[in-house]
């Protein structure tokens, strides 16, 4: 018996199409049954339908379809404000609701993913905020600066060491910063100093790139710096060796910034300074001006700073 396998394969594929289409339709029906429109007041039908679809997609993409809960999206108008509420309905339990105040129906596109996360995880809506997804009501106090950019200033402490140094290399000091930040970038200036050996002081022009627009964002950066440093002890013992330099150079940095969606934030940063010239390698003489500095060494100051920044 001759069998046309191409016809057989085609018939098999055609027979599967209704089953696939049925499964897709069943999945869509299940999602619609799990999350649907509730009470809508003062919002046009087209806008309400789109808003409900955005919120329901955000919820059903994060929760299991058989979790025993259904969700209803209510919307109302209060003057120019839109009030968006998600109700979680579960048999035998009181309904739970979560509301957010929006300054326009367009903000649903920003709020929907956060509502989906909050409903799925049980977290408060406020805890899902990042610098890139604030609604205007949350950002009112800062006049929208966090989205468009804001000026920050502050200060803190630093610890330092000098790689390839000669004497005692570990010290501490103070640092001040001014920075203009946008959600993904920052640029500014900073100055730092201490008064005892090992000594390091200078100023820098800074830039950094944030790798996340969440509340806790890692970053990498760098810039130009003029740095003076000297290692050694405060005893100035005759015969002690040390390195000393005052030079323009570059620096590279990395760290993270916390609480970026808040008015104030905390930064922890590590910097390695790369001078354009080698440091003098000296030997302490009997008198201060009799030090022998005939050799050179390429020394690299390294700093770890913790700073507290606030809006200007």
C-alpha atoms as a PDB file:
ATOM      1  CA  UNK A   1       0.000   0.000   0.000  1.00  0.00           C
ATOM      2  CA  UNK A   2       1.388   3.413  -0.992  1.00  0.00           C
ATOM      3  CA  UNK A   3       1.183   6.105   1.719  1.00  0.00           C
ATOM      4  CA  UNK A   4       1.651   9.786   0.891  1.00  0.00           C
ATOM      5  CA  UNK A   5       3.461  10.973   4.004  1.00  0.00           C
ATOM      6  CA  UNK A   6       3.305  14.644   3.019  1.00  0.00           C
ATOM      7  CA  UNK A   7      -0.515  14.472   2.877  1.00  0.00           C
ATOM      8  CA  UNK A   8      -0.575  12.609   6.188  1.00  0.00           C
ATOM      9  CA  UNK A   9       1.632  15.217   7.881  1.00  0.00           C
ATOM     10  CA  UNK A  10      -0.511  18.025   6.531  1.00  0.00           C
ATOM     11  CA  UNK A  11      -3.704  16.404   7.776  1.00  0.00           C
ATOM     12  CA  UNK A  12      -2.138  15.891  11.205  1.00  0.00           C
ATOM     13  CA  UNK A  13      -1.057  19.551  11.379  1.00  0.00           C
ATOM     14  CA  UNK A  14      -4.523  20.760  10.362  1.00  0.00           C
ATOM     15  CA  UNK A  15      -6.106  18.563  12.990  1.00  0.00           C
ATOM     16  CA  UNK A  16      -3.947  20.145  15.674  1.00  0.00           C
ATOM     17  CA  UNK A  17      -4.808  23.749  14.789  1.00  0.00           C
ATOM     18  CA  UNK A  18      -8.276  23.782  16.373  1.00  0.00           C
ATOM     19  CA  UNK A  19      -6.820  22.251  19.553  1.00  0.00           C
ATOM     20  CA  UNK A  20      -4.094  24.919  19.721  1.00  0.00           C
ATOM     21  CA  UNK A  21      -6.548  27.700  19.026  1.00  0.00           C
ATOM     22  CA  UNK A  22      -8.881  26.300  21.665  1.00  0.00           C
ATOM     23  CA  UNK A  23      -6.063  26.169  24.238  1.00  0.00           C
ATOM     24  CA  UNK A  24      -5.090  29.756  23.490  1.00  0.00           C
ATOM     25  CA  UNK A  25      -8.653  30.926  23.727  1.00  0.00           C
ATOM     26  CA  UNK A  26      -9.117  28.998  26.956  1.00  0.00           C
ATOM     27  CA  UNK A  27      -6.004  30.660  28.409  1.00  0.00           C
ATOM     28  CA  UNK A  28      -7.269  34.095  27.397  1.00  0.00           C
ATOM     29  CA  UNK A  29     -10.712  33.366  28.844  1.00  0.00           C
ATOM     30  CA  UNK A  30      -9.104  32.195  32.075  1.00  0.00           C
ATOM     31  CA  UNK A  31      -7.058  35.409  32.340  1.00  0.00           C
ATOM     32  CA  UNK A  32     -10.167  37.486  31.646  1.00  0.00           C
ATOM     33  CA  UNK A  33     -12.082  35.574  34.293  1.00  0.00           C
ATOM     34  CA  UNK A  34      -9.233  36.005  36.782  1.00  0.00           C
ATOM     35  CA  UNK A  35      -8.902  39.778  36.226  1.00  0.00           C
ATOM     36  CA  UNK A  36     -11.591  42.045  34.805  1.00  0.00           C
ATOM     37  CA  UNK A  37     -13.055  45.508  34.916  1.00  0.00           C
ATOM     38  CA  UNK A  38     -14.942  46.527  38.050  1.00  0.00           C
ATOM     39  CA  UNK A  39     -16.688  49.843  38.725  1.00  0.00           C
ATOM     40  CA  UNK A  40     -15.760  52.582  36.235  1.00  0.00           C
ATOM     41  CA  UNK A  41     -16.905  56.164  36.895  1.00  0.00           C
ATOM     42  CA  UNK A  42     -15.965  59.309  35.002  1.00  0.00           C
ATOM     43  CA  UNK A  43     -13.519  57.579  32.639  1.00  0.00           C
ATOM     44  CA  UNK A  44     -14.269  57.136  28.939  1.00  0.00           C
ATOM     45  CA  UNK A  45     -14.941  53.566  27.823  1.00  0.00           C
ATOM     46  CA  UNK A  46     -11.902  53.418  25.517  1.00  0.00           C
ATOM     47  CA  UNK A  47      -9.495  54.766  28.146  1.00  0.00           C
ATOM     48  CA  UNK A  48     -10.944  52.522  30.834  1.00  0.00           C
ATOM     49  CA  UNK A  49     -10.673  49.412  28.649  1.00  0.00           C
ATOM     50  CA  UNK A  50      -7.000  50.120  27.867  1.00  0.00           C
ATOM     51  CA  UNK A  51      -6.202  50.906  31.492  1.00  0.00           C
ATOM     52  CA  UNK A  52      -7.877  47.737  32.753  1.00  0.00           C
ATOM     53  CA  UNK A  53      -6.057  45.660  30.128  1.00  0.00           C
ATOM     54  CA  UNK A  54      -2.675  47.100  31.201  1.00  0.00           C
ATOM     55  CA  UNK A  55      -3.329  46.417  34.874  1.00  0.00           C
ATOM     56  CA  UNK A  56      -4.757  42.939  34.289  1.00  0.00           C
ATOM     57  CA  UNK A  57      -1.847  41.955  32.051  1.00  0.00           C
ATOM     58  CA  UNK A  58       0.570  43.110  34.741  1.00  0.00           C
ATOM     59  CA  UNK A  59      -1.232  41.042  37.387  1.00  0.00           C
ATOM     60  CA  UNK A  60      -1.923  37.836  35.449  1.00  0.00           C
ATOM     61  CA  UNK A  61       1.656  37.712  34.144  1.00  0.00           C
ATOM     62  CA  UNK A  62       2.881  37.535  37.743  1.00  0.00           C
ATOM     63  CA  UNK A  63       0.344  35.313  39.532  1.00  0.00           C
ATOM     64  CA  UNK A  64      -0.534  31.678  39.032  1.00  0.00           C
ATOM     65  CA  UNK A  65      -3.803  31.171  37.125  1.00  0.00           C
ATOM     66  CA  UNK A  66      -5.076  28.700  39.744  1.00  0.00           C
ATOM     67  CA  UNK A  67      -4.161  30.684  42.881  1.00  0.00           C
ATOM     68  CA  UNK A  68      -7.803  30.877  43.968  1.00  0.00           C
ATOM     69  CA  UNK A  69      -8.018  34.671  43.643  1.00  0.00           C
ATOM     70  CA  UNK A  70      -9.742  36.942  41.173  1.00  0.00           C
ATOM     71  CA  UNK A  71      -9.044  40.618  40.615  1.00  0.00           C
ATOM     72  CA  UNK A  72     -11.253  43.554  39.761  1.00  0.00           C
ATOM     73  CA  UNK A  73      -9.974  46.921  38.547  1.00  0.00           C
ATOM     74  CA  UNK A  74     -12.021  49.946  39.627  1.00  0.00           C
ATOM     75  CA  UNK A  75     -11.489  53.453  38.286  1.00  0.00           C
ATOM     76  CA  UNK A  76     -12.986  56.779  39.246  1.00  0.00           C
ATOM     77  CA  UNK A  77     -12.508  60.465  38.547  1.00  0.00           C
ATOM     78  CA  UNK A  78     -11.995  63.100  41.263  1.00  0.00           C
ATOM     79  CA  UNK A  79     -11.573  66.442  39.534  1.00  0.00           C
ATOM     80  CA  UNK A  80      -8.410  66.102  37.445  1.00  0.00           C
ATOM     81  CA  UNK A  81      -7.282  63.042  39.409  1.00  0.00           C
ATOM     82  CA  UNK A  82      -7.883  59.420  38.458  1.00  0.00           C
ATOM     83  CA  UNK A  83      -8.193  56.921  41.294  1.00  0.00           C
ATOM     84  CA  UNK A  84      -7.179  53.382  40.322  1.00  0.00           C
ATOM     85  CA  UNK A  85      -8.042  50.524  42.687  1.00  0.00           C
ATOM     86  CA  UNK A  86      -7.316  46.808  42.402  1.00  0.00           C
ATOM     87  CA  UNK A  87      -9.511  44.508  44.513  1.00  0.00           C
ATOM     88  CA  UNK A  88      -8.329  40.985  45.326  1.00  0.00           C
ATOM     89  CA  UNK A  89     -11.295  38.658  45.813  1.00  0.00           C
ATOM     90  CA  UNK A  90     -10.868  35.289  47.464  1.00  0.00           C
ATOM     91  CA  UNK A  91     -13.693  33.013  48.597  1.00  0.00           C
ATOM     92  CA  UNK A  92     -14.221  33.019  52.347  1.00  0.00           C
ATOM     93  CA  UNK A  93     -11.926  36.011  52.944  1.00  0.00           C
ATOM     94  CA  UNK A  94     -12.526  39.774  53.073  1.00  0.00           C
ATOM     95  CA  UNK A  95     -11.649  41.591  49.871  1.00  0.00           C
ATOM     96  CA  UNK A  96      -8.276  43.319  49.801  1.00  0.00           C
ATOM     97  CA  UNK A  97      -7.820  46.556  47.902  1.00  0.00           C
ATOM     98  CA  UNK A  98      -4.887  48.646  46.753  1.00  0.00           C
ATOM     99  CA  UNK A  99      -5.363  52.175  45.412  1.00  0.00           C
ATOM    100  CA  UNK A 100      -3.138  54.671  43.661  1.00  0.00           C
ATOM    101  CA  UNK A 101      -3.815  58.304  42.859  1.00  0.00           C
ATOM    102  CA  UNK A 102      -2.893  59.392  39.337  1.00  0.00           C
ATOM    103  CA  UNK A 103      -2.755  62.895  37.875  1.00  0.00           C
ATOM    104  CA  UNK A 104      -3.882  61.625  34.496  1.00  0.00           C
ATOM    105  CA  UNK A 105      -5.120  58.442  32.895  1.00  0.00           C
ATOM    106  CA  UNK A 106      -1.802  58.275  30.993  1.00  0.00           C
ATOM    107  CA  UNK A 107      -0.010  57.442  34.246  1.00  0.00           C
ATOM    108  CA  UNK A 108      -1.646  54.016  34.253  1.00  0.00           C
ATOM    109  CA  UNK A 109       1.135  52.917  31.881  1.00  0.00           C
ATOM    110  CA  UNK A 110       3.662  53.729  34.655  1.00  0.00           C
ATOM    111  CA  UNK A 111       1.591  52.463  37.572  1.00  0.00           C
ATOM    112  CA  UNK A 112       0.362  49.173  36.048  1.00  0.00           C
ATOM    113  CA  UNK A 113       3.639  47.171  36.316  1.00  0.00           C
ATOM    114  CA  UNK A 114       4.058  48.352  39.912  1.00  0.00           C
ATOM    115  CA  UNK A 115       0.493  47.382  40.778  1.00  0.00           C
ATOM    116  CA  UNK A 116       1.070  43.958  39.248  1.00  0.00           C
ATOM    117  CA  UNK A 117       4.209  43.467  41.348  1.00  0.00           C
ATOM    118  CA  UNK A 118       2.554  44.750  44.509  1.00  0.00           C
ATOM    119  CA  UNK A 119      -0.545  42.546  44.113  1.00  0.00           C
ATOM    120  CA  UNK A 120       1.503  39.459  43.234  1.00  0.00           C
ATOM    121  CA  UNK A 121       3.978  39.840  46.119  1.00  0.00           C
ATOM    122  CA  UNK A 122       1.754  41.430  48.750  1.00  0.00           C
ATOM    123  CA  UNK A 123       4.097  44.416  49.067  1.00  0.00           C
ATOM    124  CA  UNK A 124       2.816  47.991  49.472  1.00  0.00           C
ATOM    125  CA  UNK A 125       2.590  49.937  46.223  1.00  0.00           C
ATOM    126  CA  UNK A 126       5.091  52.504  47.579  1.00  0.00           C
ATOM    127  CA  UNK A 127       7.790  49.850  47.996  1.00  0.00           C
ATOM    128  CA  UNK A 128       7.840  49.142  44.231  1.00  0.00           C
ATOM    129  CA  UNK A 129       9.034  52.668  43.408  1.00  0.00           C
ATOM    130  CA  UNK A 130      12.223  53.351  41.481  1.00  0.00           C
ATOM    131  CA  UNK A 131      13.617  56.544  40.046  1.00  0.00           C
ATOM    132  CA  UNK A 132      12.172  55.682  36.615  1.00  0.00           C
ATOM    133  CA  UNK A 133       8.611  54.711  37.617  1.00  0.00           C
ATOM    134  CA  UNK A 134       7.360  57.316  40.070  1.00  0.00           C
ATOM    135  CA  UNK A 135       3.875  58.685  39.534  1.00  0.00           C
ATOM    136  CA  UNK A 136       3.526  62.436  39.841  1.00  0.00           C
ATOM    137  CA  UNK A 137       1.837  62.372  43.232  1.00  0.00           C
ATOM    138  CA  UNK A 138       4.845  60.563  44.711  1.00  0.00           C
ATOM    139  CA  UNK A 139       7.178  63.059  43.087  1.00  0.00           C
ATOM    140  CA  UNK A 140       5.207  66.217  43.872  1.00  0.00           C
ATOM    141  CA  UNK A 141       7.526  67.392  46.649  1.00  0.00           C
ATOM    142  CA  UNK A 142      10.468  67.442  44.274  1.00  0.00           C
ATOM    143  CA  UNK A 143       8.725  69.136  41.343  1.00  0.00           C
ATOM    144  CA  UNK A 144       9.587  66.333  38.971  1.00  0.00           C
ATOM    145  CA  UNK A 145      13.347  66.757  39.444  1.00  0.00           C
ATOM    146  CA  UNK A 146      14.120  63.084  39.860  1.00  0.00           C
ATOM    147  CA  UNK A 147      12.981  62.301  36.337  1.00  0.00           C
ATOM    148  CA  UNK A 148      14.533  65.341  34.643  1.00  0.00           C
ATOM    149  CA  UNK A 149      17.617  65.714  36.842  1.00  0.00           C
ATOM    150  CA  UNK A 150      18.473  67.187  40.225  1.00  0.00           C
ATOM    151  CA  UNK A 151      21.359  68.860  42.008  1.00  0.00           C
ATOM    152  CA  UNK A 152      22.761  67.137  45.081  1.00  0.00           C
ATOM    153  CA  UNK A 153      25.421  68.033  47.575  1.00  0.00           C
ATOM    154  CA  UNK A 154      26.786  66.405  50.694  1.00  0.00           C
ATOM    155  CA  UNK A 155      29.779  64.909  52.390  1.00  0.00           C
ATOM    156  CA  UNK A 156      31.146  62.013  54.326  1.00  0.00           C
ATOM    157  CA  UNK A 157      34.240  60.095  55.327  1.00  0.00           C
ATOM    158  CA  UNK A 158      36.875  58.211  53.419  1.00  0.00           C
ATOM    159  CA  UNK A 159      39.487  55.624  54.177  1.00  0.00           C
ATOM    160  CA  UNK A 160      42.609  55.450  52.029  1.00  0.00           C
ATOM    161  CA  UNK A 161      45.735  53.493  51.328  1.00  0.00           C
ATOM    162  CA  UNK A 162      48.664  53.969  48.934  1.00  0.00           C
ATOM    163  CA  UNK A 163      49.570  50.998  46.771  1.00  0.00           C
ATOM    164  CA  UNK A 164      53.290  50.582  46.095  1.00  0.00           C
ATOM    165  CA  UNK A 165      54.078  52.994  48.902  1.00  0.00           C
ATOM    166  CA  UNK A 166      56.989  52.872  51.351  1.00  0.00           C
ATOM    167  CA  UNK A 167      55.787  53.700  54.835  1.00  0.00           C
ATOM    168  CA  UNK A 168      52.518  53.524  56.722  1.00  0.00           C
ATOM    169  CA  UNK A 169      49.839  53.620  54.035  1.00  0.00           C
ATOM    170  CA  UNK A 170      46.429  53.656  55.738  1.00  0.00           C
ATOM    171  CA  UNK A 171      44.596  56.827  56.698  1.00  0.00           C
ATOM    172  CA  UNK A 172      41.211  58.558  56.805  1.00  0.00           C
ATOM    173  CA  UNK A 173      39.740  61.943  55.975  1.00  0.00           C
ATOM    174  CA  UNK A 174      36.735  63.999  54.895  1.00  0.00           C
ATOM    175  CA  UNK A 175      35.132  64.298  51.453  1.00  0.00           C
ATOM    176  CA  UNK A 176      32.586  66.741  50.017  1.00  0.00           C
ATOM    177  CA  UNK A 177      30.627  66.342  46.777  1.00  0.00           C
ATOM    178  CA  UNK A 178      28.380  68.272  44.431  1.00  0.00           C
ATOM    179  CA  UNK A 179      26.611  66.264  41.737  1.00  0.00           C
ATOM    180  CA  UNK A 180      23.936  66.668  39.100  1.00  0.00           C
ATOM    181  CA  UNK A 181      22.044  63.403  38.618  1.00  0.00           C
ATOM    182  CA  UNK A 182      19.624  62.012  36.077  1.00  0.00           C
ATOM    183  CA  UNK A 183      18.183  58.474  36.378  1.00  0.00           C
ATOM    184  CA  UNK A 184      21.038  56.902  34.405  1.00  0.00           C
ATOM    185  CA  UNK A 185      23.950  59.323  34.756  1.00  0.00           C
ATOM    186  CA  UNK A 186      25.641  61.670  37.181  1.00  0.00           C
ATOM    187  CA  UNK A 187      28.315  64.377  36.884  1.00  0.00           C
ATOM    188  CA  UNK A 188      29.886  66.669  39.431  1.00  0.00           C
ATOM    189  CA  UNK A 189      32.931  67.700  41.450  1.00  0.00           C
ATOM    190  CA  UNK A 190      34.381  66.575  44.767  1.00  0.00           C
ATOM    191  CA  UNK A 191      37.127  67.575  47.179  1.00  0.00           C
ATOM    192  CA  UNK A 192      38.835  65.571  49.918  1.00  0.00           C
ATOM    193  CA  UNK A 193      41.545  66.077  52.542  1.00  0.00           C
ATOM    194  CA  UNK A 194      43.034  64.936  55.818  1.00  0.00           C
ATOM    195  CA  UNK A 195      45.601  66.445  58.198  1.00  0.00           C
ATOM    196  CA  UNK A 196      47.876  63.594  59.286  1.00  0.00           C
ATOM    197  CA  UNK A 197      50.176  61.124  57.617  1.00  0.00           C
ATOM    198  CA  UNK A 198      49.487  59.181  55.534  1.00  0.00           C
ATOM    199  CA  UNK A 199      48.222  62.306  53.798  1.00  0.00           C
ATOM    200  CA  UNK A 200      45.954  62.663  50.762  1.00  0.00           C
ATOM    201  CA  UNK A 201      44.091  65.722  49.518  1.00  0.00           C
ATOM    202  CA  UNK A 202      42.770  66.901  46.194  1.00  0.00           C
ATOM    203  CA  UNK A 203      39.779  67.623  44.006  1.00  0.00           C
ATOM    204  CA  UNK A 204      38.201  65.873  41.049  1.00  0.00           C
ATOM    205  CA  UNK A 205      35.742  66.281  38.192  1.00  0.00           C
ATOM    206  CA  UNK A 206      33.458  63.268  38.324  1.00  0.00           C
ATOM    207  CA  UNK A 207      31.184  61.257  36.053  1.00  0.00           C
ATOM    208  CA  UNK A 208      29.332  58.019  36.612  1.00  0.00           C
ATOM    209  CA  UNK A 209      26.954  55.648  34.861  1.00  0.00           C
ATOM    210  CA  UNK A 210      24.196  53.909  36.850  1.00  0.00           C
ATOM    211  CA  UNK A 211      23.414  50.358  35.757  1.00  0.00           C
ATOM    212  CA  UNK A 212      19.943  50.281  37.295  1.00  0.00           C
ATOM    213  CA  UNK A 213      17.160  52.781  37.791  1.00  0.00           C
ATOM    214  CA  UNK A 214      15.977  51.095  40.979  1.00  0.00           C
ATOM    215  CA  UNK A 215      16.391  52.357  44.539  1.00  0.00           C
ATOM    216  CA  UNK A 216      19.709  50.489  44.934  1.00  0.00           C
ATOM    217  CA  UNK A 217      21.807  51.131  41.840  1.00  0.00           C
ATOM    218  CA  UNK A 218      25.379  49.984  41.142  1.00  0.00           C
ATOM    219  CA  UNK A 219      27.521  52.374  39.138  1.00  0.00           C
ATOM    220  CA  UNK A 220      30.922  52.763  37.501  1.00  0.00           C
ATOM    221  CA  UNK A 221      32.633  56.022  36.770  1.00  0.00           C
ATOM    222  CA  UNK A 222      35.769  58.055  36.603  1.00  0.00           C
ATOM    223  CA  UNK A 223      37.189  61.462  35.897  1.00  0.00           C
ATOM    224  CA  UNK A 224      40.153  63.778  36.261  1.00  0.00           C
ATOM    225  CA  UNK A 225      41.734  64.561  39.610  1.00  0.00           C
ATOM    226  CA  UNK A 226      44.548  66.601  41.086  1.00  0.00           C
ATOM    227  CA  UNK A 227      45.839  64.683  44.092  1.00  0.00           C
ATOM    228  CA  UNK A 228      48.619  65.286  46.572  1.00  0.00           C
ATOM    229  CA  UNK A 229      49.668  62.445  48.848  1.00  0.00           C
ATOM    230  CA  UNK A 230      52.447  61.216  51.091  1.00  0.00           C
ATOM    231  CA  UNK A 231      52.727  58.042  53.130  1.00  0.00           C
ATOM    232  CA  UNK A 232      54.846  57.436  56.227  1.00  0.00           C
ATOM    233  CA  UNK A 233      54.349  58.037  59.926  1.00  0.00           C
ATOM    234  CA  UNK A 234      53.834  61.278  61.824  1.00  0.00           C
ATOM    235  CA  UNK A 235      57.112  60.766  63.697  1.00  0.00           C
ATOM    236  CA  UNK A 236      59.261  61.920  60.734  1.00  0.00           C
ATOM    237  CA  UNK A 237      61.990  59.519  61.834  1.00  0.00           C
ATOM    238  CA  UNK A 238      65.389  60.028  60.272  1.00  0.00           C
ATOM    239  CA  UNK A 239      66.075  57.322  57.682  1.00  0.00           C
ATOM    240  CA  UNK A 240      62.404  56.513  57.137  1.00  0.00           C
ATOM    241  CA  UNK A 241      61.446  56.098  53.480  1.00  0.00           C
ATOM    242  CA  UNK A 242      58.228  57.430  51.961  1.00  0.00           C
ATOM    243  CA  UNK A 243      56.624  58.375  48.658  1.00  0.00           C
ATOM    244  CA  UNK A 244      55.293  61.835  47.929  1.00  0.00           C
ATOM    245  CA  UNK A 245      53.465  63.336  44.957  1.00  0.00           C
ATOM    246  CA  UNK A 246      51.284  66.212  43.793  1.00  0.00           C
ATOM    247  CA  UNK A 247      50.046  65.430  40.294  1.00  0.00           C
ATOM    248  CA  UNK A 248      47.205  65.602  37.839  1.00  0.00           C
ATOM    249  CA  UNK A 249      45.788  62.222  36.901  1.00  0.00           C
ATOM    250  CA  UNK A 250      42.733  60.161  36.134  1.00  0.00           C
ATOM    251  CA  UNK A 251      40.697  57.950  38.404  1.00  0.00           C
ATOM    252  CA  UNK A 252      38.284  55.043  38.040  1.00  0.00           C
ATOM    253  CA  UNK A 253      35.519  54.241  40.481  1.00  0.00           C
ATOM    254  CA  UNK A 254      32.745  51.814  41.285  1.00  0.00           C
ATOM    255  CA  UNK A 255      30.116  51.446  43.967  1.00  0.00           C
ATOM    256  CA  UNK A 256      26.405  51.734  44.585  1.00  0.00           C
ATOM    257  CA  UNK A 257      23.886  54.377  45.563  1.00  0.00           C
ATOM    258  CA  UNK A 258      20.933  53.632  47.835  1.00  0.00           C
ATOM    259  CA  UNK A 259      17.486  55.260  48.311  1.00  0.00           C
ATOM    260  CA  UNK A 260      17.530  56.951  44.894  1.00  0.00           C
ATOM    261  CA  UNK A 261      13.776  57.539  44.792  1.00  0.00           C
ATOM    262  CA  UNK A 262      13.952  59.427  48.102  1.00  0.00           C
ATOM    263  CA  UNK A 263      14.926  63.016  48.763  1.00  0.00           C
ATOM    264  CA  UNK A 264      18.270  61.995  50.338  1.00  0.00           C
ATOM    265  CA  UNK A 265      20.501  59.087  49.386  1.00  0.00           C
ATOM    266  CA  UNK A 266      23.601  57.207  50.505  1.00  0.00           C
ATOM    267  CA  UNK A 267      26.616  56.471  48.277  1.00  0.00           C
ATOM    268  CA  UNK A 268      29.426  53.980  48.863  1.00  0.00           C
ATOM    269  CA  UNK A 269      32.255  54.348  46.359  1.00  0.00           C
ATOM    270  CA  UNK A 270      35.766  52.977  45.770  1.00  0.00           C
ATOM    271  CA  UNK A 271      38.258  55.066  43.758  1.00  0.00           C
ATOM    272  CA  UNK A 272      41.706  54.294  42.401  1.00  0.00           C
ATOM    273  CA  UNK A 273      43.724  57.354  41.355  1.00  0.00           C
ATOM    274  CA  UNK A 274      46.144  56.981  38.448  1.00  0.00           C
ATOM    275  CA  UNK A 275      48.652  59.876  38.493  1.00  0.00           C
ATOM    276  CA  UNK A 276      50.163  60.995  35.202  1.00  0.00           C
ATOM    277  CA  UNK A 277      53.622  61.158  36.807  1.00  0.00           C
ATOM    278  CA  UNK A 278      55.536  58.938  39.223  1.00  0.00           C
ATOM    279  CA  UNK A 279      55.876  59.883  42.880  1.00  0.00           C
ATOM    280  CA  UNK A 280      59.150  60.898  44.515  1.00  0.00           C
ATOM    281  CA  UNK A 281      60.682  58.167  46.643  1.00  0.00           C
ATOM    282  CA  UNK A 282      62.384  59.870  49.559  1.00  0.00           C
ATOM    283  CA  UNK A 283      64.378  59.192  52.706  1.00  0.00           C
ATOM    284  CA  UNK A 284      63.734  61.285  55.806  1.00  0.00           C
ATOM    285  CA  UNK A 285      66.757  63.397  56.682  1.00  0.00           C
ATOM    286  CA  UNK A 286      67.924  64.810  59.985  1.00  0.00           C
ATOM    287  CA  UNK A 287      66.234  68.091  59.165  1.00  0.00           C
ATOM    288  CA  UNK A 288      62.956  68.575  57.294  1.00  0.00           C
ATOM    289  CA  UNK A 289      64.634  70.205  54.308  1.00  0.00           C
ATOM    290  CA  UNK A 290      67.417  67.625  54.089  1.00  0.00           C
ATOM    291  CA  UNK A 291      65.318  64.750  52.774  1.00  0.00           C
ATOM    292  CA  UNK A 292      66.831  62.703  49.964  1.00  0.00           C
ATOM    293  CA  UNK A 293      64.365  62.302  47.045  1.00  0.00           C
ATOM    294  CA  UNK A 294      66.561  60.949  44.281  1.00  0.00           C
ATOM    295  CA  UNK A 295      64.379  57.990  43.228  1.00  0.00           C
ATOM    296  CA  UNK A 296      60.828  57.664  41.910  1.00  0.00           C
ATOM    297  CA  UNK A 297      58.066  55.077  42.287  1.00  0.00           C
ATOM    298  CA  UNK A 298      54.645  54.804  40.687  1.00  0.00           C
ATOM    299  CA  UNK A 299      52.252  54.828  43.640  1.00  0.00           C
ATOM    300  CA  UNK A 300      48.468  54.501  43.367  1.00  0.00           C
ATOM    301  CA  UNK A 301      46.253  56.069  46.055  1.00  0.00           C
ATOM    302  CA  UNK A 302      43.033  54.125  46.683  1.00  0.00           C
ATOM    303  CA  UNK A 303      40.021  55.521  48.532  1.00  0.00           C
ATOM    304  CA  UNK A 304      36.745  54.093  49.826  1.00  0.00           C
ATOM    305  CA  UNK A 305      34.239  56.821  50.735  1.00  0.00           C
ATOM    306  CA  UNK A 306      30.778  56.854  52.256  1.00  0.00           C
ATOM    307  CA  UNK A 307      28.792  60.017  51.524  1.00  0.00           C
ATOM    308  CA  UNK A 308      25.340  61.314  52.337  1.00  0.00           C
ATOM    309  CA  UNK A 309      23.754  63.405  49.571  1.00  0.00           C
ATOM    310  CA  UNK A 310      20.772  65.753  49.740  1.00  0.00           C
ATOM    311  CA  UNK A 311      19.010  67.978  47.197  1.00  0.00           C
ATOM    312  CA  UNK A 312      20.344  71.461  46.620  1.00  0.00           C
END
